[in-house]
């Protein structure tokens, strides 16, 4: 095994302190959004002797990150394999691969994750007095409700205004998001989604079609090494409503939080994220990357035995 050097991404939504503190560095006033470990061309890692990681591993099918969000990220979804290939052929997507994601919290972490079950959303909307959206949801389901908001058939502003005085956490987030993106349909669309608060160690898996947004907190993110993002709003970046509505899966998600455990599968990328306790030995079965919560980052060749001194997150082969 050998130490590996990641690449920091300073996106505007990043937390200025979490990643520097993890790495034992002084914050410099910039937002430190993500620490990348992998062979992605936008941030390729190097071994501690300067060798590009890809020279040892070839292109890795995954990207391992520390993510630290001080502000919300865009509301987005990702395509299936077939949608990615079709979209790449049409010039919509930069590559032909899906982009499944897994987020394991290191701090209390808030996110929007998938469409909430209809009855729970109706209870929320009735409680807030948002009757037009509730009527469409009850009659036609969440896909039609999302379509109506994004196409303008349902006016987003009354739903947003109804949240001005509501004390539900969902209403509080609508108020916060409307300050940044006033009147945007995606602000109202968040009322149809699961609002999740993860405790450290809990995880979300964001499969193809899952409409989601990270809101606040820090975590370990494991994802397929793809750039295929379809943004629907809550961003200054380009938004593609047509592609969003083609790729979103509006099937209600009953249990967005994965069952607690020390291993979280990301089968669409062929890998899993494993949490190792201090002193717990692990044998690498493939080209693996690991992040110790002391800030040390490692590359392990197949057959390497790793015994961490601190809680460590390592990427390994997915269970068949």
C-alpha atoms as a PDB file:
ATOM      1  CA  UNK A   1       0.000   0.000   0.000  1.00  0.00           C
ATOM      2  CA  UNK A   2       1.110   3.539  -0.697  1.00  0.00           C
ATOM      3  CA  UNK A   3      -0.016   7.023   0.178  1.00  0.00           C
ATOM      4  CA  UNK A   4      -1.918   8.867  -2.523  1.00  0.00           C
ATOM      5  CA  UNK A   5      -2.502  12.588  -2.976  1.00  0.00           C
ATOM      6  CA  UNK A   6      -6.012  13.767  -3.799  1.00  0.00           C
ATOM      7  CA  UNK A   7      -7.142  16.886  -5.639  1.00  0.00           C
ATOM      8  CA  UNK A   8      -9.217  19.585  -3.932  1.00  0.00           C
ATOM      9  CA  UNK A   9     -12.104  21.250  -5.778  1.00  0.00           C
ATOM     10  CA  UNK A  10     -12.976  24.759  -4.586  1.00  0.00           C
ATOM     11  CA  UNK A  11     -16.623  25.032  -5.688  1.00  0.00           C
ATOM     12  CA  UNK A  12     -18.600  27.994  -4.383  1.00  0.00           C
ATOM     13  CA  UNK A  13     -20.877  25.868  -2.154  1.00  0.00           C
ATOM     14  CA  UNK A  14     -17.977  24.302  -0.264  1.00  0.00           C
ATOM     15  CA  UNK A  15     -17.260  24.568   3.449  1.00  0.00           C
ATOM     16  CA  UNK A  16     -14.141  26.654   4.184  1.00  0.00           C
ATOM     17  CA  UNK A  17     -12.952  24.588   7.157  1.00  0.00           C
ATOM     18  CA  UNK A  18     -13.977  20.902   7.137  1.00  0.00           C
ATOM     19  CA  UNK A  19     -11.565  19.526   4.519  1.00  0.00           C
ATOM     20  CA  UNK A  20      -8.587  21.669   5.620  1.00  0.00           C
ATOM     21  CA  UNK A  21      -9.187  20.531   9.211  1.00  0.00           C
ATOM     22  CA  UNK A  22      -9.331  16.899   8.071  1.00  0.00           C
ATOM     23  CA  UNK A  23      -6.040  17.279   6.188  1.00  0.00           C
ATOM     24  CA  UNK A  24      -4.343  19.186   9.024  1.00  0.00           C
ATOM     25  CA  UNK A  25      -4.114  22.389   6.987  1.00  0.00           C
ATOM     26  CA  UNK A  26      -4.956  25.980   7.797  1.00  0.00           C
ATOM     27  CA  UNK A  27      -8.161  27.242   6.146  1.00  0.00           C
ATOM     28  CA  UNK A  28      -7.330  29.885   3.560  1.00  0.00           C
ATOM     29  CA  UNK A  29     -10.715  31.571   3.158  1.00  0.00           C
ATOM     30  CA  UNK A  30     -11.639  29.634   0.032  1.00  0.00           C
ATOM     31  CA  UNK A  31     -14.521  27.144  -0.113  1.00  0.00           C
ATOM     32  CA  UNK A  32     -13.104  23.600   0.036  1.00  0.00           C
ATOM     33  CA  UNK A  33     -15.938  21.610  -1.519  1.00  0.00           C
ATOM     34  CA  UNK A  34     -14.491  18.225  -2.433  1.00  0.00           C
ATOM     35  CA  UNK A  35     -11.332  16.147  -2.107  1.00  0.00           C
ATOM     36  CA  UNK A  36     -11.097  13.766  -5.079  1.00  0.00           C
ATOM     37  CA  UNK A  37      -9.325  10.401  -5.104  1.00  0.00           C
ATOM     38  CA  UNK A  38      -9.247   8.564  -8.402  1.00  0.00           C
ATOM     39  CA  UNK A  39      -8.203   8.812 -12.025  1.00  0.00           C
ATOM     40  CA  UNK A  40     -10.876  11.230 -13.267  1.00  0.00           C
ATOM     41  CA  UNK A  41      -9.220  13.555 -15.829  1.00  0.00           C
ATOM     42  CA  UNK A  42     -10.567  16.662 -14.070  1.00  0.00           C
ATOM     43  CA  UNK A  43      -8.667  15.773 -10.887  1.00  0.00           C
ATOM     44  CA  UNK A  44      -6.305  12.806 -11.259  1.00  0.00           C
ATOM     45  CA  UNK A  45      -4.563  11.611  -8.102  1.00  0.00           C
ATOM     46  CA  UNK A  46      -0.850  10.944  -7.766  1.00  0.00           C
ATOM     47  CA  UNK A  47       1.041   8.547  -5.557  1.00  0.00           C
ATOM     48  CA  UNK A  48       3.385  10.066  -2.994  1.00  0.00           C
ATOM     49  CA  UNK A  49       6.373   9.491  -5.310  1.00  0.00           C
ATOM     50  CA  UNK A  50       4.712  11.639  -7.992  1.00  0.00           C
ATOM     51  CA  UNK A  51       3.544   8.756 -10.176  1.00  0.00           C
ATOM     52  CA  UNK A  52       0.080   9.296 -11.664  1.00  0.00           C
ATOM     53  CA  UNK A  53      -2.297   6.846  -9.980  1.00  0.00           C
ATOM     54  CA  UNK A  54      -3.621   5.785 -13.376  1.00  0.00           C
ATOM     55  CA  UNK A  55      -0.172   4.445 -14.295  1.00  0.00           C
ATOM     56  CA  UNK A  56      -0.699   1.777 -11.613  1.00  0.00           C
ATOM     57  CA  UNK A  57      -4.428   1.193 -11.858  1.00  0.00           C
ATOM     58  CA  UNK A  58      -5.558   2.138 -15.333  1.00  0.00           C
ATOM     59  CA  UNK A  59      -8.780   4.190 -15.479  1.00  0.00           C
ATOM     60  CA  UNK A  60     -10.790   3.478 -12.330  1.00  0.00           C
ATOM     61  CA  UNK A  61     -14.577   3.051 -12.731  1.00  0.00           C
ATOM     62  CA  UNK A  62     -15.225   5.013  -9.535  1.00  0.00           C
ATOM     63  CA  UNK A  63     -14.347   8.295  -7.843  1.00  0.00           C
ATOM     64  CA  UNK A  64     -13.959   8.572  -4.054  1.00  0.00           C
ATOM     65  CA  UNK A  65     -14.497  11.967  -2.426  1.00  0.00           C
ATOM     66  CA  UNK A  66     -14.735  13.872   0.792  1.00  0.00           C
ATOM     67  CA  UNK A  67     -17.624  16.298   0.241  1.00  0.00           C
ATOM     68  CA  UNK A  68     -18.255  19.306   2.505  1.00  0.00           C
ATOM     69  CA  UNK A  69     -21.280  21.473   1.695  1.00  0.00           C
ATOM     70  CA  UNK A  70     -21.849  24.784   3.446  1.00  0.00           C
ATOM     71  CA  UNK A  71     -24.601  25.683   0.974  1.00  0.00           C
ATOM     72  CA  UNK A  72     -27.064  23.602  -1.089  1.00  0.00           C
ATOM     73  CA  UNK A  73     -26.032  21.938  -4.323  1.00  0.00           C
ATOM     74  CA  UNK A  74     -28.217  21.831  -7.422  1.00  0.00           C
ATOM     75  CA  UNK A  75     -31.382  19.744  -7.675  1.00  0.00           C
ATOM     76  CA  UNK A  76     -30.387  17.026 -10.111  1.00  0.00           C
ATOM     77  CA  UNK A  77     -30.681  13.493 -11.360  1.00  0.00           C
ATOM     78  CA  UNK A  78     -28.497  11.052 -13.308  1.00  0.00           C
ATOM     79  CA  UNK A  79     -29.269   8.791 -16.274  1.00  0.00           C
ATOM     80  CA  UNK A  80     -29.539   5.024 -16.525  1.00  0.00           C
ATOM     81  CA  UNK A  81     -27.014   3.117 -18.636  1.00  0.00           C
ATOM     82  CA  UNK A  82     -29.298   3.242 -21.675  1.00  0.00           C
ATOM     83  CA  UNK A  83     -30.149   6.911 -21.150  1.00  0.00           C
ATOM     84  CA  UNK A  84     -26.464   7.767 -20.782  1.00  0.00           C
ATOM     85  CA  UNK A  85     -25.558   5.994 -24.017  1.00  0.00           C
ATOM     86  CA  UNK A  86     -28.459   7.571 -25.883  1.00  0.00           C
ATOM     87  CA  UNK A  87     -27.742  11.026 -24.466  1.00  0.00           C
ATOM     88  CA  UNK A  88     -24.050  10.731 -25.300  1.00  0.00           C
ATOM     89  CA  UNK A  89     -24.930   9.811 -28.871  1.00  0.00           C
ATOM     90  CA  UNK A  90     -27.209  12.884 -29.033  1.00  0.00           C
ATOM     91  CA  UNK A  91     -24.491  15.143 -27.618  1.00  0.00           C
ATOM     92  CA  UNK A  92     -26.393  15.708 -24.342  1.00  0.00           C
ATOM     93  CA  UNK A  93     -23.996  13.855 -22.022  1.00  0.00           C
ATOM     94  CA  UNK A  94     -20.190  14.075 -22.016  1.00  0.00           C
ATOM     95  CA  UNK A  95     -19.726  10.312 -21.619  1.00  0.00           C
ATOM     96  CA  UNK A  96     -21.806   7.134 -22.127  1.00  0.00           C
ATOM     97  CA  UNK A  97     -21.755   5.971 -18.511  1.00  0.00           C
ATOM     98  CA  UNK A  98     -24.230   6.156 -15.620  1.00  0.00           C
ATOM     99  CA  UNK A  99     -23.324   8.081 -12.456  1.00  0.00           C
ATOM    100  CA  UNK A 100     -24.658   6.268  -9.393  1.00  0.00           C
ATOM    101  CA  UNK A 101     -23.747   7.912  -6.082  1.00  0.00           C
ATOM    102  CA  UNK A 102     -23.426   6.902  -2.440  1.00  0.00           C
ATOM    103  CA  UNK A 103     -23.040   9.379   0.437  1.00  0.00           C
ATOM    104  CA  UNK A 104     -22.026   8.316   3.944  1.00  0.00           C
ATOM    105  CA  UNK A 105     -22.278  11.116   6.499  1.00  0.00           C
ATOM    106  CA  UNK A 106     -19.317  12.279   8.568  1.00  0.00           C
ATOM    107  CA  UNK A 107     -21.353  15.040  10.235  1.00  0.00           C
ATOM    108  CA  UNK A 108     -25.112  15.530  10.524  1.00  0.00           C
ATOM    109  CA  UNK A 109     -26.005  15.778   6.843  1.00  0.00           C
ATOM    110  CA  UNK A 110     -29.170  17.148   5.238  1.00  0.00           C
ATOM    111  CA  UNK A 111     -30.299  16.171   1.756  1.00  0.00           C
ATOM    112  CA  UNK A 112     -33.286  15.835  -0.525  1.00  0.00           C
ATOM    113  CA  UNK A 113     -33.464  12.258  -1.788  1.00  0.00           C
ATOM    114  CA  UNK A 114     -36.112  10.850  -4.118  1.00  0.00           C
ATOM    115  CA  UNK A 115     -39.859  11.342  -4.278  1.00  0.00           C
ATOM    116  CA  UNK A 116     -41.662  11.089  -0.942  1.00  0.00           C
ATOM    117  CA  UNK A 117     -44.558   8.610  -0.623  1.00  0.00           C
ATOM    118  CA  UNK A 118     -47.753  10.288  -1.831  1.00  0.00           C
ATOM    119  CA  UNK A 119     -49.767  10.097   1.380  1.00  0.00           C
ATOM    120  CA  UNK A 120     -46.964  11.661   3.411  1.00  0.00           C
ATOM    121  CA  UNK A 121     -46.633  14.463   0.874  1.00  0.00           C
ATOM    122  CA  UNK A 122     -50.381  15.077   0.868  1.00  0.00           C
ATOM    123  CA  UNK A 123     -50.283  15.400   4.657  1.00  0.00           C
ATOM    124  CA  UNK A 124     -47.478  17.969   4.324  1.00  0.00           C
ATOM    125  CA  UNK A 125     -49.196  19.960   1.575  1.00  0.00           C
ATOM    126  CA  UNK A 126     -52.543  20.050   3.392  1.00  0.00           C
ATOM    127  CA  UNK A 127     -50.796  21.123   6.585  1.00  0.00           C
ATOM    128  CA  UNK A 128     -49.185  24.012   4.701  1.00  0.00           C
ATOM    129  CA  UNK A 129     -52.351  24.887   2.777  1.00  0.00           C
ATOM    130  CA  UNK A 130     -50.907  24.094  -0.660  1.00  0.00           C
ATOM    131  CA  UNK A 131     -54.082  22.757  -2.211  1.00  0.00           C
ATOM    132  CA  UNK A 132     -53.487  23.121  -5.965  1.00  0.00           C
ATOM    133  CA  UNK A 133     -50.326  21.033  -5.844  1.00  0.00           C
ATOM    134  CA  UNK A 134     -52.023  18.574  -3.481  1.00  0.00           C
ATOM    135  CA  UNK A 135     -54.969  18.160  -5.870  1.00  0.00           C
ATOM    136  CA  UNK A 136     -52.705  17.358  -8.827  1.00  0.00           C
ATOM    137  CA  UNK A 137     -50.632  14.959  -6.740  1.00  0.00           C
ATOM    138  CA  UNK A 138     -53.705  13.139  -5.440  1.00  0.00           C
ATOM    139  CA  UNK A 139     -55.336  12.871  -8.861  1.00  0.00           C
ATOM    140  CA  UNK A 140     -52.368  12.269 -11.157  1.00  0.00           C
ATOM    141  CA  UNK A 141     -49.361  11.275  -9.053  1.00  0.00           C
ATOM    142  CA  UNK A 142     -45.900  12.750  -8.452  1.00  0.00           C
ATOM    143  CA  UNK A 143     -44.664  12.553 -12.059  1.00  0.00           C
ATOM    144  CA  UNK A 144     -47.525  14.780 -13.230  1.00  0.00           C
ATOM    145  CA  UNK A 145     -46.996  17.116 -10.282  1.00  0.00           C
ATOM    146  CA  UNK A 146     -43.316  17.538 -11.132  1.00  0.00           C
ATOM    147  CA  UNK A 147     -44.155  18.004 -14.802  1.00  0.00           C
ATOM    148  CA  UNK A 148     -46.776  20.605 -13.948  1.00  0.00           C
ATOM    149  CA  UNK A 149     -44.364  22.636 -11.819  1.00  0.00           C
ATOM    150  CA  UNK A 150     -41.566  22.574 -14.378  1.00  0.00           C
ATOM    151  CA  UNK A 151     -43.819  23.228 -17.381  1.00  0.00           C
ATOM    152  CA  UNK A 152     -45.708  26.045 -15.658  1.00  0.00           C
ATOM    153  CA  UNK A 153     -49.091  24.309 -15.556  1.00  0.00           C
ATOM    154  CA  UNK A 154     -48.858  24.587 -11.758  1.00  0.00           C
ATOM    155  CA  UNK A 155     -47.813  28.014 -10.476  1.00  0.00           C
ATOM    156  CA  UNK A 156     -44.886  27.527  -8.089  1.00  0.00           C
ATOM    157  CA  UNK A 157     -45.331  30.881  -6.366  1.00  0.00           C
ATOM    158  CA  UNK A 158     -48.445  30.066  -4.252  1.00  0.00           C
ATOM    159  CA  UNK A 159     -46.707  26.937  -2.932  1.00  0.00           C
ATOM    160  CA  UNK A 160     -43.629  28.952  -2.048  1.00  0.00           C
ATOM    161  CA  UNK A 161     -45.684  31.740  -0.433  1.00  0.00           C
ATOM    162  CA  UNK A 162     -47.582  29.198   1.672  1.00  0.00           C
ATOM    163  CA  UNK A 163     -44.259  28.195   3.258  1.00  0.00           C
ATOM    164  CA  UNK A 164     -43.574  31.711   4.585  1.00  0.00           C
ATOM    165  CA  UNK A 165     -45.096  30.924   7.962  1.00  0.00           C
ATOM    166  CA  UNK A 166     -44.967  27.117   8.111  1.00  0.00           C
ATOM    167  CA  UNK A 167     -42.843  25.589  10.859  1.00  0.00           C
ATOM    168  CA  UNK A 168     -42.240  22.256   9.116  1.00  0.00           C
ATOM    169  CA  UNK A 169     -38.567  21.668   8.174  1.00  0.00           C
ATOM    170  CA  UNK A 170     -39.626  21.338   4.535  1.00  0.00           C
ATOM    171  CA  UNK A 171     -41.139  24.841   4.658  1.00  0.00           C
ATOM    172  CA  UNK A 172     -38.010  26.222   6.289  1.00  0.00           C
ATOM    173  CA  UNK A 173     -35.913  24.866   3.433  1.00  0.00           C
ATOM    174  CA  UNK A 174     -38.302  26.352   0.871  1.00  0.00           C
ATOM    175  CA  UNK A 175     -37.783  29.746   2.500  1.00  0.00           C
ATOM    176  CA  UNK A 176     -33.995  29.360   2.463  1.00  0.00           C
ATOM    177  CA  UNK A 177     -33.879  28.183  -1.138  1.00  0.00           C
ATOM    178  CA  UNK A 178     -36.262  30.889  -2.340  1.00  0.00           C
ATOM    179  CA  UNK A 179     -33.861  33.543  -1.068  1.00  0.00           C
ATOM    180  CA  UNK A 180     -31.199  32.137  -3.403  1.00  0.00           C
ATOM    181  CA  UNK A 181     -33.447  31.186  -6.330  1.00  0.00           C
ATOM    182  CA  UNK A 182     -36.633  33.285  -6.012  1.00  0.00           C
ATOM    183  CA  UNK A 183     -39.759  31.849  -7.573  1.00  0.00           C
ATOM    184  CA  UNK A 184     -37.936  28.937  -9.186  1.00  0.00           C
ATOM    185  CA  UNK A 185     -40.064  25.813  -9.850  1.00  0.00           C
ATOM    186  CA  UNK A 186     -37.394  23.622  -8.253  1.00  0.00           C
ATOM    187  CA  UNK A 187     -37.933  25.422  -4.944  1.00  0.00           C
ATOM    188  CA  UNK A 188     -41.554  24.248  -4.917  1.00  0.00           C
ATOM    189  CA  UNK A 189     -40.557  20.821  -6.280  1.00  0.00           C
ATOM    190  CA  UNK A 190     -38.562  20.159  -3.102  1.00  0.00           C
ATOM    191  CA  UNK A 191     -41.915  19.767  -1.311  1.00  0.00           C
ATOM    192  CA  UNK A 192     -42.419  16.509  -3.230  1.00  0.00           C
ATOM    193  CA  UNK A 193     -39.110  15.000  -2.096  1.00  0.00           C
ATOM    194  CA  UNK A 194     -37.849  13.191   0.995  1.00  0.00           C
ATOM    195  CA  UNK A 195     -36.038  15.596   3.327  1.00  0.00           C
ATOM    196  CA  UNK A 196     -33.422  13.455   5.039  1.00  0.00           C
ATOM    197  CA  UNK A 197     -31.151  14.168   8.006  1.00  0.00           C
ATOM    198  CA  UNK A 198     -28.338  11.635   8.262  1.00  0.00           C
ATOM    199  CA  UNK A 199     -26.396  11.022  11.438  1.00  0.00           C
ATOM    200  CA  UNK A 200     -22.674  10.226  11.098  1.00  0.00           C
ATOM    201  CA  UNK A 201     -22.276   6.732   9.661  1.00  0.00           C
ATOM    202  CA  UNK A 202     -25.680   6.689   7.931  1.00  0.00           C
ATOM    203  CA  UNK A 203     -25.821   6.617   4.150  1.00  0.00           C
ATOM    204  CA  UNK A 204     -27.893   7.370   1.056  1.00  0.00           C
ATOM    205  CA  UNK A 205     -27.653   5.665  -2.320  1.00  0.00           C
ATOM    206  CA  UNK A 206     -28.653   7.828  -5.277  1.00  0.00           C
ATOM    207  CA  UNK A 207     -29.422   5.484  -8.155  1.00  0.00           C
ATOM    208  CA  UNK A 208     -30.318   6.561 -11.679  1.00  0.00           C
ATOM    209  CA  UNK A 209     -33.400   8.777 -11.803  1.00  0.00           C
ATOM    210  CA  UNK A 210     -33.266   9.783  -8.135  1.00  0.00           C
ATOM    211  CA  UNK A 211     -34.091  13.503  -7.919  1.00  0.00           C
ATOM    212  CA  UNK A 212     -31.850  14.847  -5.184  1.00  0.00           C
ATOM    213  CA  UNK A 213     -29.844  17.713  -3.741  1.00  0.00           C
ATOM    214  CA  UNK A 214     -27.264  17.813  -0.978  1.00  0.00           C
ATOM    215  CA  UNK A 215     -28.161  20.655   1.368  1.00  0.00           C
ATOM    216  CA  UNK A 216     -25.618  20.844   4.177  1.00  0.00           C
ATOM    217  CA  UNK A 217     -22.974  18.725   5.861  1.00  0.00           C
ATOM    218  CA  UNK A 218     -19.885  16.633   5.192  1.00  0.00           C
ATOM    219  CA  UNK A 219     -19.544  13.042   4.095  1.00  0.00           C
ATOM    220  CA  UNK A 220     -17.677  10.418   2.117  1.00  0.00           C
ATOM    221  CA  UNK A 221     -19.041  10.168  -1.411  1.00  0.00           C
ATOM    222  CA  UNK A 222     -18.502   7.214  -3.731  1.00  0.00           C
ATOM    223  CA  UNK A 223     -19.701   7.525  -7.317  1.00  0.00           C
ATOM    224  CA  UNK A 224     -19.289   6.165 -10.792  1.00  0.00           C
ATOM    225  CA  UNK A 225     -16.559   8.006 -12.688  1.00  0.00           C
ATOM    226  CA  UNK A 226     -18.972   9.874 -14.949  1.00  0.00           C
ATOM    227  CA  UNK A 227     -19.847  13.535 -15.541  1.00  0.00           C
ATOM    228  CA  UNK A 228     -23.463  12.898 -16.505  1.00  0.00           C
ATOM    229  CA  UNK A 229     -25.535  15.298 -14.388  1.00  0.00           C
ATOM    230  CA  UNK A 230     -28.993  16.586 -15.338  1.00  0.00           C
ATOM    231  CA  UNK A 231     -29.728  19.772 -13.390  1.00  0.00           C
ATOM    232  CA  UNK A 232     -33.269  20.948 -12.803  1.00  0.00           C
ATOM    233  CA  UNK A 233     -32.586  24.041 -10.728  1.00  0.00           C
ATOM    234  CA  UNK A 234     -31.183  25.515  -7.508  1.00  0.00           C
ATOM    235  CA  UNK A 235     -28.064  26.454  -9.467  1.00  0.00           C
ATOM    236  CA  UNK A 236     -26.510  29.107 -11.677  1.00  0.00           C
ATOM    237  CA  UNK A 237     -25.289  26.341 -14.000  1.00  0.00           C
ATOM    238  CA  UNK A 238     -27.241  25.322 -17.121  1.00  0.00           C
ATOM    239  CA  UNK A 239     -30.597  23.646 -16.456  1.00  0.00           C
ATOM    240  CA  UNK A 240     -32.210  21.134 -18.853  1.00  0.00           C
ATOM    241  CA  UNK A 241     -35.850  20.661 -17.856  1.00  0.00           C
ATOM    242  CA  UNK A 242     -36.656  18.417 -20.831  1.00  0.00           C
ATOM    243  CA  UNK A 243     -33.823  16.013 -20.021  1.00  0.00           C
ATOM    244  CA  UNK A 244     -34.619  16.167 -16.314  1.00  0.00           C
ATOM    245  CA  UNK A 245     -38.199  15.079 -16.904  1.00  0.00           C
ATOM    246  CA  UNK A 246     -36.984  12.309 -19.235  1.00  0.00           C
ATOM    247  CA  UNK A 247     -34.524  10.927 -16.696  1.00  0.00           C
ATOM    248  CA  UNK A 248     -36.287  11.438 -13.364  1.00  0.00           C
ATOM    249  CA  UNK A 249     -37.791   8.399 -11.663  1.00  0.00           C
ATOM    250  CA  UNK A 250     -40.871   9.644  -9.801  1.00  0.00           C
ATOM    251  CA  UNK A 251     -41.558   6.285  -8.138  1.00  0.00           C
ATOM    252  CA  UNK A 252     -42.007   7.075  -4.419  1.00  0.00           C
ATOM    253  CA  UNK A 253     -39.036   6.092  -2.274  1.00  0.00           C
ATOM    254  CA  UNK A 254     -40.220   4.781   1.078  1.00  0.00           C
ATOM    255  CA  UNK A 255     -36.863   4.374   2.827  1.00  0.00           C
ATOM    256  CA  UNK A 256     -34.191   6.696   1.427  1.00  0.00           C
ATOM    257  CA  UNK A 257     -31.737   6.027   4.282  1.00  0.00           C
ATOM    258  CA  UNK A 258     -29.865   2.735   3.926  1.00  0.00           C
ATOM    259  CA  UNK A 259     -29.883   0.253   6.767  1.00  0.00           C
ATOM    260  CA  UNK A 260     -27.042   0.992   9.173  1.00  0.00           C
ATOM    261  CA  UNK A 261     -23.958  -1.058   8.550  1.00  0.00           C
ATOM    262  CA  UNK A 262     -20.225  -1.092   7.921  1.00  0.00           C
ATOM    263  CA  UNK A 263     -20.641  -1.838   4.205  1.00  0.00           C
ATOM    264  CA  UNK A 264     -22.696   0.054   1.630  1.00  0.00           C
ATOM    265  CA  UNK A 265     -23.049  -1.345  -1.881  1.00  0.00           C
ATOM    266  CA  UNK A 266     -22.980   0.709  -5.078  1.00  0.00           C
ATOM    267  CA  UNK A 267     -23.743  -2.108  -7.516  1.00  0.00           C
ATOM    268  CA  UNK A 268     -24.241   0.094 -10.581  1.00  0.00           C
ATOM    269  CA  UNK A 269     -20.550   1.020 -10.323  1.00  0.00           C
ATOM    270  CA  UNK A 270     -19.415  -2.467  -9.269  1.00  0.00           C
ATOM    271  CA  UNK A 271     -17.981  -1.262  -5.953  1.00  0.00           C
ATOM    272  CA  UNK A 272     -18.851  -0.855  -2.282  1.00  0.00           C
ATOM    273  CA  UNK A 273     -17.860   1.521   0.501  1.00  0.00           C
ATOM    274  CA  UNK A 274     -16.603  -0.232   3.645  1.00  0.00           C
ATOM    275  CA  UNK A 275     -16.059   1.418   7.019  1.00  0.00           C
ATOM    276  CA  UNK A 276     -13.142  -0.120   8.930  1.00  0.00           C
ATOM    277  CA  UNK A 277     -12.699   0.243  12.684  1.00  0.00           C
ATOM    278  CA  UNK A 278      -9.228   1.030  14.093  1.00  0.00           C
ATOM    279  CA  UNK A 279      -7.139  -2.125  14.051  1.00  0.00           C
ATOM    280  CA  UNK A 280      -9.540  -3.997  11.744  1.00  0.00           C
ATOM    281  CA  UNK A 281      -7.510  -5.736   9.011  1.00  0.00           C
ATOM    282  CA  UNK A 282      -8.639  -5.514   5.405  1.00  0.00           C
ATOM    283  CA  UNK A 283      -7.226  -7.278   2.339  1.00  0.00           C
ATOM    284  CA  UNK A 284      -7.601  -5.461  -0.971  1.00  0.00           C
ATOM    285  CA  UNK A 285      -9.295  -7.477  -3.699  1.00  0.00           C
ATOM    286  CA  UNK A 286      -8.936  -4.874  -6.453  1.00  0.00           C
ATOM    287  CA  UNK A 287      -7.313  -1.458  -6.918  1.00  0.00           C
ATOM    288  CA  UNK A 288      -8.660   0.220  -3.785  1.00  0.00           C
ATOM    289  CA  UNK A 289      -8.556   3.729  -2.356  1.00  0.00           C
ATOM    290  CA  UNK A 290      -8.998   4.570   1.300  1.00  0.00           C
ATOM    291  CA  UNK A 291      -9.524   7.659   3.452  1.00  0.00           C
ATOM    292  CA  UNK A 292      -8.550   7.586   7.123  1.00  0.00           C
ATOM    293  CA  UNK A 293     -10.306  10.122   9.306  1.00  0.00           C
ATOM    294  CA  UNK A 294      -6.876  11.431  10.269  1.00  0.00           C
ATOM    295  CA  UNK A 295      -6.785  12.805   6.715  1.00  0.00           C
ATOM    296  CA  UNK A 296      -4.337  10.194   5.381  1.00  0.00           C
ATOM    297  CA  UNK A 297      -5.285   8.755   1.989  1.00  0.00           C
ATOM    298  CA  UNK A 298      -4.091   5.419   0.628  1.00  0.00           C
ATOM    299  CA  UNK A 299      -3.856   3.318  -2.515  1.00  0.00           C
ATOM    300  CA  UNK A 300      -3.928  -0.461  -2.043  1.00  0.00           C
ATOM    301  CA  UNK A 301      -3.019  -2.986  -4.716  1.00  0.00           C
ATOM    302  CA  UNK A 302      -4.852  -6.322  -4.889  1.00  0.00           C
ATOM    303  CA  UNK A 303      -3.551  -8.488  -2.070  1.00  0.00           C
ATOM    304  CA  UNK A 304      -2.343  -5.599   0.123  1.00  0.00           C
ATOM    305  CA  UNK A 305      -3.310  -5.939   3.792  1.00  0.00           C
ATOM    306  CA  UNK A 306      -4.360  -2.696   5.449  1.00  0.00           C
ATOM    307  CA  UNK A 307      -4.743  -2.243   9.232  1.00  0.00           C
ATOM    308  CA  UNK A 308      -5.977   1.301   9.938  1.00  0.00           C
ATOM    309  CA  UNK A 309      -5.108   3.365  12.989  1.00  0.00           C
ATOM    310  CA  UNK A 310      -8.337   5.363  12.739  1.00  0.00           C
ATOM    311  CA  UNK A 311     -11.816   4.852  11.285  1.00  0.00           C
ATOM    312  CA  UNK A 312     -11.237   4.423   7.556  1.00  0.00           C
ATOM    313  CA  UNK A 313     -13.463   4.312   4.497  1.00  0.00           C
ATOM    314  CA  UNK A 314     -12.238   2.054   1.705  1.00  0.00           C
ATOM    315  CA  UNK A 315     -13.590   1.248  -1.752  1.00  0.00           C
ATOM    316  CA  UNK A 316     -13.677  -2.445  -2.601  1.00  0.00           C
ATOM    317  CA  UNK A 317     -15.415  -4.815  -5.022  1.00  0.00           C
ATOM    318  CA  UNK A 318     -19.186  -4.978  -4.816  1.00  0.00           C
ATOM    319  CA  UNK A 319     -20.725  -8.203  -3.580  1.00  0.00           C
ATOM    320  CA  UNK A 320     -22.139 -10.222  -6.491  1.00  0.00           C
END
